[in-house]
Amino acid sequence: MNNVRTLLVAALLAGAVVAPSAQAATHCYDKVVYRKHAVQDPHRVTGTAIGAALGGLIGHQVGGGKGRDLATVGGAVAGGVAGHKIQRHRQDRTYREIVRVCN
């Protein structure tokens, strides 16, 4: 009976010694990953259209007669260009994500 008890204690101790070393073999670390936002409007039509509409409205407030028409068209063109650039800048931004990697 003592031999069986001794063998059981030895087996339990051997398992306790092996288990932490098996866990130590797993190595985890944090990795920084940079990702781009998913592009939903690749031609940037939305930004261009909104910019052109706002620019046209602002341009229409300037001058009178033919000057007002010219200011409206100029405002629409300038607003469209600005809206296009603003949307491009927002779509091209990247964001940082921290990912946990384990071996």
Protein backbone atom coordinates (compact mmCIF):
# COMPACT_ATOMS: atom_id res chain seq x y z
CA MET A 1 0.00 0.00 0.00
CA ASN A 2 2.88 2.36 0.75
CA ASN A 3 4.38 1.69 -2.65
CA VAL A 4 1.11 2.56 -4.40
CA ARG A 5 0.78 5.74 -2.35
CA THR A 6 4.38 6.67 -3.10
CA LEU A 7 3.85 6.10 -6.82
CA LEU A 8 0.67 8.23 -6.80
CA VAL A 9 2.42 11.08 -4.97
CA ALA A 10 5.37 10.87 -7.36
CA ALA A 11 3.05 10.93 -10.38
CA LEU A 12 1.17 13.95 -9.03
CA LEU A 13 4.42 15.80 -8.32
CA ALA A 14 5.74 14.97 -11.79
CA GLY A 15 2.53 16.31 -13.33
CA ALA A 16 2.81 19.49 -11.25
CA VAL A 17 6.37 20.01 -12.41
CA VAL A 18 5.58 19.38 -16.09
CA ALA A 19 2.44 21.55 -16.27
CA PRO A 20 4.07 24.98 -15.62
CA SER A 21 6.83 24.33 -18.15
CA ALA A 22 4.21 23.41 -20.77
CA GLN A 23 2.42 26.69 -20.08
CA ALA A 24 5.68 28.62 -20.26
CA ALA A 25 6.15 27.42 -23.86
CA THR A 26 3.25 29.66 -24.95
CA HIS A 27 4.47 33.19 -25.60
CA CYS A 28 2.01 36.04 -26.10
CA TYR A 29 2.74 39.63 -27.09
CA ASP A 30 0.92 42.71 -28.34
CA LYS A 31 1.44 43.74 -31.96
CA VAL A 32 0.53 47.13 -33.40
CA VAL A 33 -1.30 46.91 -36.74
CA TYR A 34 -2.21 49.87 -38.96
CA ARG A 35 -5.33 49.49 -41.04
CA LYS A 36 -7.21 51.65 -43.52
CA HIS A 37 -10.91 52.33 -43.29
CA ALA A 38 -13.06 50.45 -45.77
CA VAL A 39 -13.67 52.73 -48.76
CA GLN A 40 -17.37 52.93 -49.59
CA ASP A 41 -17.20 55.76 -52.14
CA PRO A 42 -13.99 55.26 -54.18
CA HIS A 43 -14.79 58.11 -56.61
CA ARG A 44 -15.65 60.52 -53.77
CA VAL A 45 -18.90 61.59 -55.42
CA THR A 46 -20.60 62.38 -52.12
CA GLY A 47 -17.96 64.85 -50.95
CA THR A 48 -17.78 66.49 -54.36
CA ALA A 49 -21.57 66.90 -54.63
CA ILE A 50 -22.00 68.28 -51.10
CA GLY A 51 -19.06 70.65 -51.57
CA ALA A 52 -20.39 71.87 -54.90
CA ALA A 53 -23.87 72.49 -53.49
CA LEU A 54 -22.53 74.42 -50.50
CA GLY A 55 -20.07 76.36 -52.63
CA GLY A 56 -22.83 77.27 -55.08
CA LEU A 57 -25.06 78.49 -52.27
CA ILE A 58 -22.30 80.60 -50.77
CA GLY A 59 -21.28 81.93 -54.20
CA HIS A 60 -24.88 82.91 -54.96
CA GLN A 61 -24.83 85.29 -51.99
CA VAL A 62 -22.10 87.40 -53.65
CA GLY A 63 -22.69 90.13 -56.26
CA GLY A 64 -25.65 90.74 -58.49
CA GLY A 65 -26.69 90.09 -62.11
CA LYS A 66 -24.02 88.33 -64.23
CA GLY A 67 -21.55 88.61 -61.34
CA ARG A 68 -23.87 86.58 -59.16
CA ASP A 69 -24.11 83.85 -61.81
CA LEU A 70 -20.34 83.77 -62.17
CA ALA A 71 -19.88 83.68 -58.38
CA THR A 72 -22.39 80.81 -58.13
CA VAL A 73 -20.54 78.74 -60.74
CA GLY A 74 -17.14 79.59 -59.24
CA GLY A 75 -18.36 78.70 -55.76
CA ALA A 76 -19.76 75.40 -56.99
CA VAL A 77 -16.47 74.48 -58.67
CA ALA A 78 -14.36 75.51 -55.68
CA GLY A 79 -16.72 73.75 -53.27
CA GLY A 80 -16.65 70.57 -55.36
CA VAL A 81 -12.86 70.52 -55.34
CA ALA A 82 -12.74 71.18 -51.60
CA GLY A 83 -15.36 68.52 -50.86
CA HIS A 84 -13.46 65.99 -52.99
CA LYS A 85 -10.21 66.67 -51.11
CA ILE A 86 -11.88 66.53 -47.70
CA GLN A 87 -13.47 63.16 -48.46
CA ARG A 88 -10.18 61.81 -49.87
CA HIS A 89 -8.37 62.84 -46.69
CA ARG A 90 -11.00 61.17 -44.49
CA GLN A 91 -10.97 57.93 -46.52
CA ASP A 92 -7.18 57.65 -46.66
CA ARG A 93 -6.73 57.86 -42.90
CA THR A 94 -5.42 54.82 -41.09
CA TYR A 95 -6.17 53.74 -37.58
CA ARG A 96 -4.00 51.88 -35.11
CA GLU A 97 -5.15 48.60 -33.60
CA ILE A 98 -3.35 46.49 -31.00
CA VAL A 99 -3.67 42.76 -31.64
CA ARG A 100 -2.74 40.02 -29.13
CA VAL A 101 -0.59 37.31 -30.78
CA CYS A 102 0.22 34.01 -29.06
CA ASN A 103 2.63 31.31 -30.23
